N, C-alpha and C. Protein backbone atom coordinates (compact mmCIF):
# COMPACT_ATOMS: atom_id res chain seq x y z
N MET A 1 22.15 -53.11 21.84
CA MET A 1 22.91 -54.34 21.83
C MET A 1 24.37 -54.10 22.19
N THR A 2 24.96 -53.06 21.61
CA THR A 2 26.37 -52.80 21.89
C THR A 2 26.58 -52.33 23.33
N ARG A 3 25.59 -51.60 23.85
CA ARG A 3 25.68 -51.16 25.24
C ARG A 3 25.69 -52.36 26.18
N ALA A 4 24.88 -53.32 25.91
CA ALA A 4 24.82 -54.52 26.73
C ALA A 4 26.12 -55.30 26.63
N ALA A 5 26.70 -55.37 25.45
CA ALA A 5 27.97 -56.08 25.27
C ALA A 5 29.10 -55.38 26.01
N VAL A 6 29.12 -54.05 25.92
CA VAL A 6 30.16 -53.28 26.62
C VAL A 6 29.99 -53.45 28.13
N SER A 7 28.78 -53.40 28.61
CA SER A 7 28.53 -53.59 30.05
C SER A 7 28.96 -54.97 30.49
N PHE A 8 28.66 -55.97 29.71
CA PHE A 8 29.04 -57.35 30.03
C PHE A 8 30.55 -57.49 30.09
N VAL A 9 31.27 -56.91 29.14
CA VAL A 9 32.74 -56.97 29.12
C VAL A 9 33.31 -56.26 30.36
N LEU A 10 32.77 -55.11 30.71
CA LEU A 10 33.25 -54.38 31.88
C LEU A 10 33.05 -55.19 33.16
N VAL A 11 31.91 -55.86 33.27
CA VAL A 11 31.65 -56.70 34.44
C VAL A 11 32.65 -57.85 34.49
N LEU A 12 32.93 -58.47 33.35
CA LEU A 12 33.91 -59.56 33.30
C LEU A 12 35.31 -59.08 33.70
N VAL A 13 35.70 -57.91 33.21
CA VAL A 13 37.01 -57.36 33.56
C VAL A 13 37.08 -57.08 35.06
N ALA A 14 36.04 -56.51 35.62
CA ALA A 14 36.02 -56.21 37.06
C ALA A 14 36.09 -57.49 37.88
N LEU A 15 35.37 -58.51 37.48
CA LEU A 15 35.40 -59.78 38.20
C LEU A 15 36.75 -60.46 38.09
N SER A 16 37.35 -60.44 36.91
CA SER A 16 38.66 -61.09 36.76
C SER A 16 39.71 -60.36 37.58
N TYR A 17 39.63 -59.04 37.67
CA TYR A 17 40.58 -58.29 38.49
C TYR A 17 40.39 -58.63 39.97
N THR A 18 39.16 -58.76 40.41
CA THR A 18 38.87 -59.08 41.80
C THR A 18 39.41 -60.45 42.18
N PHE A 19 39.20 -61.43 41.32
CA PHE A 19 39.62 -62.79 41.63
C PHE A 19 41.11 -63.02 41.40
N ALA A 20 41.78 -62.15 40.69
CA ALA A 20 43.20 -62.33 40.40
C ALA A 20 44.10 -61.81 41.51
N LYS A 21 43.59 -61.03 42.43
CA LYS A 21 44.41 -60.48 43.51
C LYS A 21 44.89 -61.58 44.43
N TYR A 22 46.07 -61.39 44.98
CA TYR A 22 46.64 -62.37 45.89
C TYR A 22 45.85 -62.40 47.20
N VAL A 23 45.50 -63.59 47.62
CA VAL A 23 44.84 -63.80 48.91
C VAL A 23 45.71 -64.79 49.69
N PRO A 24 46.14 -64.45 50.89
CA PRO A 24 46.98 -65.35 51.68
C PRO A 24 46.33 -66.71 51.91
N LYS A 25 47.17 -67.71 52.18
CA LYS A 25 46.68 -69.07 52.42
C LYS A 25 45.67 -69.11 53.56
N SER A 26 45.86 -68.27 54.55
CA SER A 26 44.98 -68.26 55.71
C SER A 26 43.67 -67.53 55.44
N GLY A 27 43.45 -67.08 54.22
CA GLY A 27 42.22 -66.40 53.87
C GLY A 27 42.40 -64.89 53.88
N LYS A 28 41.38 -64.18 53.48
CA LYS A 28 41.45 -62.72 53.41
C LYS A 28 41.63 -62.15 54.81
N ARG A 29 42.57 -61.24 54.94
CA ARG A 29 42.85 -60.60 56.22
C ARG A 29 42.28 -59.20 56.23
N ILE A 30 42.02 -58.72 57.41
CA ILE A 30 41.55 -57.34 57.57
C ILE A 30 42.74 -56.43 57.32
N PRO A 31 42.60 -55.42 56.45
CA PRO A 31 43.73 -54.52 56.17
C PRO A 31 44.23 -53.84 57.45
N GLN A 32 45.54 -53.74 57.55
CA GLN A 32 46.17 -53.08 58.68
C GLN A 32 46.47 -51.64 58.32
N THR A 33 46.44 -50.78 59.30
CA THR A 33 46.84 -49.40 59.05
C THR A 33 48.34 -49.32 58.86
N LEU A 34 49.07 -50.31 59.36
CA LEU A 34 50.53 -50.31 59.20
C LEU A 34 50.95 -50.53 57.75
N SER A 35 50.07 -51.06 56.93
CA SER A 35 50.43 -51.33 55.53
C SER A 35 50.59 -50.02 54.75
N ARG A 36 49.81 -49.03 55.11
CA ARG A 36 49.83 -47.73 54.44
C ARG A 36 49.68 -47.86 52.93
N GLY A 37 48.99 -48.95 52.49
CA GLY A 37 48.73 -49.17 51.08
C GLY A 37 49.77 -50.00 50.35
N TRP A 38 50.82 -50.45 51.02
CA TRP A 38 51.88 -51.22 50.38
C TRP A 38 51.52 -52.70 50.22
N GLY A 39 50.51 -53.15 50.90
CA GLY A 39 50.08 -54.55 50.83
C GLY A 39 49.17 -54.81 52.00
N ASP A 40 47.90 -54.57 51.80
CA ASP A 40 46.95 -54.63 52.91
C ASP A 40 46.80 -56.04 53.48
N GLN A 41 47.12 -57.07 52.71
CA GLN A 41 46.96 -58.44 53.19
C GLN A 41 48.20 -58.94 53.93
N LEU A 42 49.25 -58.15 54.00
CA LEU A 42 50.48 -58.55 54.69
C LEU A 42 50.41 -58.18 56.16
N ILE A 43 51.16 -58.89 56.97
CA ILE A 43 51.28 -58.56 58.39
C ILE A 43 52.57 -57.75 58.54
N TRP A 44 52.43 -56.50 58.94
CA TRP A 44 53.55 -55.57 59.00
C TRP A 44 54.04 -55.42 60.44
N ALA A 45 55.36 -55.34 60.58
CA ALA A 45 55.94 -55.04 61.89
C ALA A 45 55.68 -53.57 62.19
N GLN A 46 55.54 -53.26 63.46
CA GLN A 46 55.24 -51.88 63.84
C GLN A 46 56.51 -51.04 63.99
N THR A 47 57.59 -51.65 64.48
CA THR A 47 58.85 -50.94 64.70
C THR A 47 60.00 -51.76 64.14
N TYR A 48 61.13 -51.12 63.98
CA TYR A 48 62.34 -51.81 63.51
C TYR A 48 62.74 -52.90 64.49
N GLU A 49 62.64 -52.62 65.77
CA GLU A 49 62.99 -53.61 66.79
C GLU A 49 62.08 -54.83 66.70
N GLN A 50 60.78 -54.61 66.51
CA GLN A 50 59.84 -55.71 66.37
C GLN A 50 60.15 -56.50 65.09
N GLY A 51 60.48 -55.81 64.02
CA GLY A 51 60.84 -56.47 62.77
C GLY A 51 62.07 -57.36 62.94
N LEU A 52 63.08 -56.86 63.66
CA LEU A 52 64.28 -57.67 63.92
C LEU A 52 63.95 -58.89 64.77
N TYR A 53 63.10 -58.70 65.77
CA TYR A 53 62.70 -59.82 66.63
C TYR A 53 61.97 -60.89 65.82
N TRP A 54 60.99 -60.47 65.00
CA TRP A 54 60.25 -61.42 64.18
C TRP A 54 61.18 -62.11 63.18
N SER A 55 62.12 -61.36 62.63
CA SER A 55 63.06 -61.93 61.68
C SER A 55 63.88 -63.05 62.32
N ARG A 56 64.39 -62.79 63.52
CA ARG A 56 65.19 -63.82 64.22
C ARG A 56 64.34 -65.00 64.65
N SER A 57 63.17 -64.73 65.21
CA SER A 57 62.35 -65.82 65.75
C SER A 57 61.72 -66.66 64.64
N ARG A 58 61.48 -66.10 63.48
CA ARG A 58 60.86 -66.83 62.37
C ARG A 58 61.87 -67.28 61.33
N ASN A 59 63.13 -66.86 61.51
CA ASN A 59 64.22 -67.14 60.58
C ASN A 59 63.84 -66.73 59.15
N LYS A 60 63.40 -65.48 59.04
CA LYS A 60 63.03 -64.91 57.75
C LYS A 60 63.76 -63.57 57.60
N PRO A 61 64.11 -63.20 56.37
CA PRO A 61 64.72 -61.88 56.17
C PRO A 61 63.69 -60.77 56.42
N LEU A 62 64.20 -59.63 56.81
CA LEU A 62 63.38 -58.43 57.04
C LEU A 62 63.56 -57.51 55.84
N MET A 63 62.46 -57.02 55.28
CA MET A 63 62.52 -56.04 54.22
C MET A 63 61.97 -54.73 54.76
N VAL A 64 62.78 -53.69 54.73
CA VAL A 64 62.41 -52.38 55.27
C VAL A 64 62.21 -51.41 54.11
N LEU A 65 61.01 -50.81 54.05
CA LEU A 65 60.67 -49.81 53.03
C LEU A 65 60.69 -48.43 53.68
N PHE A 66 61.47 -47.54 53.13
CA PHE A 66 61.48 -46.15 53.59
C PHE A 66 60.72 -45.33 52.56
N HIS A 67 59.76 -44.53 53.00
CA HIS A 67 58.97 -43.73 52.08
C HIS A 67 58.39 -42.53 52.81
N LEU A 68 57.82 -41.61 52.04
CA LEU A 68 57.11 -40.46 52.58
C LEU A 68 55.74 -40.39 51.93
N GLU A 69 54.77 -39.91 52.66
CA GLU A 69 53.39 -39.84 52.16
C GLU A 69 53.25 -38.86 51.00
N ASP A 70 53.99 -37.76 51.03
CA ASP A 70 53.83 -36.73 50.00
C ASP A 70 54.87 -36.82 48.88
N CYS A 71 55.50 -37.97 48.73
CA CYS A 71 56.54 -38.19 47.71
C CYS A 71 55.91 -38.86 46.49
N ALA A 72 56.00 -38.20 45.33
CA ALA A 72 55.38 -38.75 44.11
C ALA A 72 56.02 -40.08 43.70
N GLN A 73 57.35 -40.19 43.82
CA GLN A 73 58.03 -41.44 43.47
C GLN A 73 57.59 -42.57 44.40
N CYS A 74 57.42 -42.25 45.68
CA CYS A 74 56.97 -43.25 46.65
C CYS A 74 55.56 -43.73 46.33
N GLN A 75 54.68 -42.82 45.96
CA GLN A 75 53.30 -43.18 45.63
C GLN A 75 53.25 -44.07 44.39
N ALA A 76 54.06 -43.75 43.39
CA ALA A 76 54.10 -44.57 42.18
C ALA A 76 54.65 -45.96 42.48
N LEU A 77 55.70 -46.03 43.30
CA LEU A 77 56.27 -47.32 43.67
C LEU A 77 55.27 -48.12 44.50
N LYS A 78 54.57 -47.46 45.40
CA LYS A 78 53.56 -48.14 46.23
C LYS A 78 52.49 -48.78 45.36
N GLN A 79 52.02 -48.06 44.36
CA GLN A 79 50.99 -48.58 43.46
C GLN A 79 51.47 -49.83 42.74
N ALA A 80 52.68 -49.78 42.17
CA ALA A 80 53.22 -50.94 41.45
C ALA A 80 53.48 -52.10 42.40
N PHE A 81 54.01 -51.79 43.57
CA PHE A 81 54.35 -52.79 44.59
C PHE A 81 53.10 -53.53 45.07
N ALA A 82 52.06 -52.79 45.39
CA ALA A 82 50.82 -53.38 45.91
C ALA A 82 50.08 -54.20 44.87
N ASN A 83 50.26 -53.88 43.59
CA ASN A 83 49.55 -54.60 42.53
C ASN A 83 50.33 -55.78 41.97
N GLU A 84 51.53 -56.02 42.45
CA GLU A 84 52.36 -57.12 41.96
C GLU A 84 52.10 -58.36 42.83
N ASP A 85 51.28 -59.27 42.35
CA ASP A 85 50.86 -60.44 43.14
C ASP A 85 52.02 -61.32 43.59
N GLU A 86 53.00 -61.54 42.72
CA GLU A 86 54.10 -62.42 43.11
C GLU A 86 54.94 -61.80 44.23
N ILE A 87 55.13 -60.50 44.20
CA ILE A 87 55.84 -59.81 45.29
C ILE A 87 55.04 -59.95 46.57
N GLN A 88 53.75 -59.71 46.52
CA GLN A 88 52.91 -59.81 47.72
C GLN A 88 52.93 -61.22 48.28
N ARG A 89 52.86 -62.23 47.44
CA ARG A 89 52.87 -63.63 47.88
C ARG A 89 54.22 -63.98 48.52
N THR A 90 55.31 -63.57 47.88
CA THR A 90 56.65 -63.87 48.41
C THR A 90 56.86 -63.19 49.75
N LEU A 91 56.42 -61.95 49.87
CA LEU A 91 56.54 -61.25 51.15
C LEU A 91 55.73 -61.94 52.23
N ASP A 92 54.52 -62.34 51.91
CA ASP A 92 53.65 -62.98 52.90
C ASP A 92 54.23 -64.30 53.39
N GLU A 93 54.81 -65.07 52.50
CA GLU A 93 55.28 -66.40 52.87
C GLU A 93 56.71 -66.42 53.41
N ASP A 94 57.58 -65.52 52.93
CA ASP A 94 59.01 -65.67 53.21
C ASP A 94 59.68 -64.49 53.89
N PHE A 95 58.96 -63.42 54.21
CA PHE A 95 59.61 -62.22 54.73
C PHE A 95 58.87 -61.65 55.94
N VAL A 96 59.60 -60.87 56.69
CA VAL A 96 59.03 -59.96 57.68
C VAL A 96 59.12 -58.59 57.01
N VAL A 97 58.05 -57.81 57.07
CA VAL A 97 58.04 -56.52 56.38
C VAL A 97 57.76 -55.36 57.34
N LEU A 98 58.39 -54.25 57.02
CA LEU A 98 58.25 -53.03 57.82
C LEU A 98 58.31 -51.85 56.87
N ASN A 99 57.39 -50.91 57.02
CA ASN A 99 57.54 -49.68 56.26
C ASN A 99 57.64 -48.52 57.22
N LEU A 100 58.57 -47.64 56.93
CA LEU A 100 58.86 -46.51 57.81
C LEU A 100 58.70 -45.21 57.04
N MET A 101 58.06 -44.26 57.70
CA MET A 101 57.91 -42.94 57.12
C MET A 101 58.85 -41.94 57.79
N GLN A 102 59.77 -42.44 58.59
CA GLN A 102 60.78 -41.60 59.21
C GLN A 102 62.09 -42.37 59.23
N GLU A 103 63.17 -41.65 59.32
CA GLU A 103 64.48 -42.29 59.38
C GLU A 103 64.70 -42.89 60.76
N THR A 104 65.51 -43.94 60.79
CA THR A 104 65.86 -44.54 62.07
C THR A 104 67.21 -43.99 62.51
N THR A 105 67.55 -44.25 63.74
CA THR A 105 68.86 -43.83 64.24
C THR A 105 69.94 -44.84 63.87
N ASP A 106 69.53 -46.00 63.35
CA ASP A 106 70.47 -47.03 62.93
C ASP A 106 71.08 -46.64 61.59
N LYS A 107 72.32 -46.19 61.59
CA LYS A 107 72.98 -45.71 60.37
C LYS A 107 73.22 -46.82 59.36
N SER A 108 73.21 -48.08 59.80
CA SER A 108 73.42 -49.18 58.85
C SER A 108 72.26 -49.32 57.88
N LEU A 109 71.10 -48.74 58.19
CA LEU A 109 69.95 -48.79 57.29
C LEU A 109 70.00 -47.70 56.21
N SER A 110 71.01 -46.85 56.28
CA SER A 110 71.18 -45.83 55.25
C SER A 110 72.65 -45.76 54.86
N PRO A 111 73.20 -46.86 54.32
CA PRO A 111 74.62 -46.90 54.02
C PRO A 111 75.06 -45.90 52.95
N ASP A 112 74.16 -45.51 52.06
CA ASP A 112 74.54 -44.55 51.02
C ASP A 112 73.70 -43.27 51.08
N GLY A 113 73.11 -43.00 52.23
CA GLY A 113 72.35 -41.76 52.40
C GLY A 113 70.90 -42.01 52.76
N GLN A 114 70.24 -40.94 53.15
CA GLN A 114 68.84 -41.02 53.56
C GLN A 114 67.98 -40.40 52.47
N TYR A 115 67.41 -41.25 51.63
CA TYR A 115 66.54 -40.82 50.55
C TYR A 115 65.35 -41.77 50.51
N VAL A 116 64.32 -41.36 49.82
CA VAL A 116 63.13 -42.19 49.65
C VAL A 116 62.74 -42.20 48.19
N PRO A 117 62.11 -43.24 47.73
CA PRO A 117 61.91 -44.52 48.39
C PRO A 117 63.20 -45.32 48.42
N ARG A 118 63.33 -46.12 49.45
CA ARG A 118 64.52 -46.95 49.65
C ARG A 118 64.07 -48.28 50.25
N ILE A 119 64.62 -49.39 49.75
CA ILE A 119 64.29 -50.72 50.25
C ILE A 119 65.58 -51.41 50.65
N VAL A 120 65.62 -51.83 51.92
CA VAL A 120 66.82 -52.46 52.47
C VAL A 120 66.43 -53.83 53.02
N PHE A 121 67.29 -54.82 52.80
CA PHE A 121 67.07 -56.16 53.32
C PHE A 121 67.99 -56.40 54.51
N VAL A 122 67.46 -57.03 55.55
CA VAL A 122 68.22 -57.34 56.76
C VAL A 122 68.01 -58.82 57.05
N ASP A 123 69.11 -59.57 57.28
CA ASP A 123 68.92 -60.99 57.56
C ASP A 123 68.73 -61.21 59.06
N PRO A 124 68.32 -62.40 59.49
CA PRO A 124 68.03 -62.65 60.90
C PRO A 124 69.21 -62.46 61.85
N SER A 125 70.43 -62.44 61.32
CA SER A 125 71.58 -62.16 62.18
C SER A 125 71.74 -60.65 62.38
N MET A 126 70.75 -59.87 61.93
CA MET A 126 70.70 -58.41 62.05
C MET A 126 71.77 -57.73 61.20
N THR A 127 72.13 -58.36 60.09
CA THR A 127 73.10 -57.80 59.15
C THR A 127 72.35 -57.20 57.97
N VAL A 128 72.60 -55.92 57.71
CA VAL A 128 72.01 -55.28 56.54
C VAL A 128 72.73 -55.84 55.32
N ARG A 129 71.96 -56.32 54.35
CA ARG A 129 72.53 -56.93 53.16
C ARG A 129 72.91 -55.84 52.17
N ALA A 130 74.14 -55.36 52.27
CA ALA A 130 74.63 -54.31 51.38
C ALA A 130 74.86 -54.83 49.97
N ASP A 131 74.85 -56.15 49.79
CA ASP A 131 75.07 -56.74 48.48
C ASP A 131 73.78 -56.90 47.67
N ILE A 132 72.65 -56.55 48.24
CA ILE A 132 71.38 -56.63 47.51
C ILE A 132 70.93 -55.20 47.22
N VAL A 133 71.19 -54.76 46.00
CA VAL A 133 70.95 -53.36 45.63
C VAL A 133 70.06 -53.26 44.41
N GLY A 134 69.54 -52.07 44.20
CA GLY A 134 68.72 -51.77 43.04
C GLY A 134 69.59 -51.44 41.83
N PRO A 135 68.98 -50.94 40.77
CA PRO A 135 69.70 -50.71 39.51
C PRO A 135 70.43 -49.37 39.40
N TYR A 136 70.35 -48.51 40.39
CA TYR A 136 70.87 -47.16 40.24
C TYR A 136 72.17 -46.97 41.02
N PRO A 137 73.24 -46.56 40.36
CA PRO A 137 74.53 -46.43 41.04
C PRO A 137 74.60 -45.27 42.03
N ASN A 138 73.76 -44.24 41.86
CA ASN A 138 73.81 -43.10 42.77
C ASN A 138 72.83 -43.24 43.94
N ARG A 139 71.91 -44.19 43.87
CA ARG A 139 70.96 -44.50 44.94
C ARG A 139 70.84 -46.02 44.97
N LEU A 140 71.74 -46.67 45.69
CA LEU A 140 71.88 -48.12 45.62
C LEU A 140 70.63 -48.90 46.01
N TYR A 141 69.81 -48.36 46.90
CA TYR A 141 68.67 -49.11 47.43
C TYR A 141 67.33 -48.57 46.94
N ALA A 142 67.38 -47.80 45.86
CA ALA A 142 66.17 -47.21 45.29
C ALA A 142 65.59 -48.12 44.21
N TYR A 143 64.28 -48.12 44.12
CA TYR A 143 63.57 -48.84 43.08
C TYR A 143 62.49 -47.92 42.54
N GLU A 144 62.16 -48.11 41.27
CA GLU A 144 61.07 -47.38 40.64
C GLU A 144 59.99 -48.38 40.22
N PRO A 145 58.81 -47.91 39.84
CA PRO A 145 57.73 -48.83 39.45
C PRO A 145 58.12 -49.81 38.35
N THR A 146 59.02 -49.42 37.48
CA THR A 146 59.45 -50.30 36.39
C THR A 146 60.46 -51.35 36.85
N ASP A 147 60.88 -51.30 38.10
CA ASP A 147 61.90 -52.22 38.62
C ASP A 147 61.33 -53.37 39.44
N MET A 148 60.05 -53.67 39.28
CA MET A 148 59.43 -54.72 40.10
C MET A 148 60.04 -56.10 39.84
N LYS A 149 60.46 -56.36 38.61
CA LYS A 149 61.08 -57.65 38.30
C LYS A 149 62.42 -57.77 39.04
N LEU A 150 63.22 -56.72 39.05
CA LEU A 150 64.49 -56.73 39.78
C LEU A 150 64.25 -56.83 41.28
N LEU A 151 63.25 -56.14 41.78
CA LEU A 151 62.95 -56.22 43.20
C LEU A 151 62.58 -57.66 43.59
N LEU A 152 61.78 -58.31 42.77
CA LEU A 152 61.42 -59.70 43.04
C LEU A 152 62.66 -60.59 43.00
N GLU A 153 63.54 -60.39 42.06
CA GLU A 153 64.80 -61.15 42.00
C GLU A 153 65.63 -60.92 43.25
N ASN A 154 65.69 -59.67 43.72
CA ASN A 154 66.45 -59.36 44.93
C ASN A 154 65.81 -59.99 46.17
N MET A 155 64.49 -60.06 46.18
CA MET A 155 63.81 -60.73 47.29
C MET A 155 64.17 -62.22 47.31
N LYS A 156 64.16 -62.83 46.13
CA LYS A 156 64.54 -64.25 46.04
C LYS A 156 66.00 -64.44 46.44
N LYS A 157 66.84 -63.49 46.08
CA LYS A 157 68.26 -63.55 46.47
C LYS A 157 68.39 -63.46 47.98
N ALA A 158 67.67 -62.56 48.60
CA ALA A 158 67.70 -62.42 50.07
C ALA A 158 67.25 -63.71 50.73
N ARG A 159 66.22 -64.31 50.19
CA ARG A 159 65.71 -65.57 50.74
C ARG A 159 66.73 -66.70 50.55
N SER A 160 67.35 -66.79 49.37
CA SER A 160 68.31 -67.87 49.13
C SER A 160 69.58 -67.68 49.93
N LEU A 161 70.01 -66.44 50.13
CA LEU A 161 71.19 -66.19 50.97
C LEU A 161 70.93 -66.62 52.40
N LEU A 162 69.70 -66.42 52.85
CA LEU A 162 69.33 -66.85 54.19
C LEU A 162 69.39 -68.37 54.29
N GLN A 163 68.85 -69.07 53.28
CA GLN A 163 68.87 -70.53 53.31
C GLN A 163 70.30 -71.04 53.25
N PHE A 164 71.15 -70.40 52.44
CA PHE A 164 72.54 -70.81 52.34
C PHE A 164 73.27 -70.61 53.66
N SER A 165 73.05 -69.45 54.30
CA SER A 165 73.74 -69.17 55.56
C SER A 165 73.24 -70.09 56.66
N ALA A 166 71.96 -70.48 56.63
CA ALA A 166 71.45 -71.42 57.63
C ALA A 166 72.07 -72.79 57.44
N MET A 167 72.27 -73.20 56.18
CA MET A 167 72.89 -74.49 55.92
C MET A 167 74.36 -74.47 56.31
N SER A 168 75.04 -73.36 56.12
CA SER A 168 76.46 -73.30 56.43
C SER A 168 76.70 -73.26 57.94
N ARG A 169 75.67 -72.91 58.73
CA ARG A 169 75.81 -72.89 60.19
C ARG A 169 75.44 -74.21 60.83
N ARG A 170 75.10 -75.19 60.03
CA ARG A 170 74.68 -76.49 60.55
C ARG A 170 75.82 -77.07 61.40
N THR A 171 75.49 -77.50 62.61
CA THR A 171 76.52 -78.00 63.52
C THR A 171 76.60 -79.52 63.54
N THR A 172 75.53 -80.19 63.17
CA THR A 172 75.58 -81.63 63.15
C THR A 172 75.64 -82.10 61.71
N PRO A 173 76.66 -82.83 61.35
CA PRO A 173 76.78 -83.28 59.96
C PRO A 173 75.71 -84.31 59.64
N THR A 174 75.37 -84.39 58.35
CA THR A 174 74.34 -85.33 57.93
C THR A 174 74.89 -86.74 57.78
N SER A 175 76.18 -86.88 57.58
CA SER A 175 76.79 -88.21 57.51
C SER A 175 78.24 -88.10 57.96
N THR A 176 78.87 -89.23 58.20
CA THR A 176 80.27 -89.19 58.64
C THR A 176 81.20 -88.75 57.53
N HIS A 177 80.75 -88.84 56.28
CA HIS A 177 81.59 -88.41 55.16
C HIS A 177 81.71 -86.90 55.09
N SER A 178 80.84 -86.18 55.77
CA SER A 178 80.90 -84.72 55.70
C SER A 178 81.63 -84.12 56.89
N LEU A 179 82.22 -84.96 57.73
CA LEU A 179 82.97 -84.43 58.85
C LEU A 179 84.19 -83.67 58.36
N PRO A 180 84.48 -82.53 58.94
CA PRO A 180 85.64 -81.75 58.49
C PRO A 180 86.93 -82.42 58.89
N ILE A 181 87.95 -82.23 58.10
CA ILE A 181 89.27 -82.76 58.42
C ILE A 181 89.88 -81.81 59.45
N PRO A 182 90.33 -82.34 60.60
CA PRO A 182 90.86 -81.44 61.62
C PRO A 182 92.14 -80.78 61.17
N LEU A 183 92.28 -79.52 61.53
CA LEU A 183 93.49 -78.78 61.23
C LEU A 183 94.47 -78.91 62.38
N LEU A 184 95.73 -79.01 62.06
CA LEU A 184 96.74 -79.11 63.10
C LEU A 184 97.10 -77.70 63.56
N LEU A 185 97.16 -77.55 64.85
CA LEU A 185 97.57 -76.27 65.41
C LEU A 185 99.09 -76.22 65.44
N LYS A 186 99.64 -75.02 65.50
CA LYS A 186 101.09 -74.87 65.56
C LYS A 186 101.68 -75.64 66.74
N SER A 187 100.95 -75.68 67.84
CA SER A 187 101.45 -76.36 69.03
C SER A 187 101.50 -77.87 68.83
N GLU A 188 100.72 -78.41 67.86
CA GLU A 188 100.70 -79.84 67.61
C GLU A 188 101.78 -80.26 66.63
N LEU A 189 102.42 -79.31 65.94
CA LEU A 189 103.44 -79.64 64.94
C LEU A 189 104.74 -80.00 65.53
């Protein structure tokens, strides 16, 4: 009797885990080799240049993950990252993602050094967001498995900064009351 109960509980746990995983709105996707285990249901950019292009054309921030295959910290972060449904959902809906196992020649992607794991956010204007950092003062862009809540907050910050900057670039006012007051030039004084 107890064996049957234990088996039944294990089956229920396995089923609940299966159904709780994030599935994109467009349905289950075939895992990409570009994901390297960071989120098999996400669509990953192949190169930094492609990531920048997608970021500009889709008006979404780019999140770049730097990691190594044989790095224990990277493997632990990958496990926590891939199992965090809200992070996976936010990335799928609001971000362009790229993971790199080698350093780029773009020095702006390593403002405080070349270490792994490192997560850097880039907005569609191709500006690395140096103001979105992790919790560690000696490795500004590093995250650990216990930092998933902060990473999610930083992702939301990257998304909101993008929305704010898009609104501030608006060229056509929504009403005549929002027209700017013209400034007088020195030549007009």
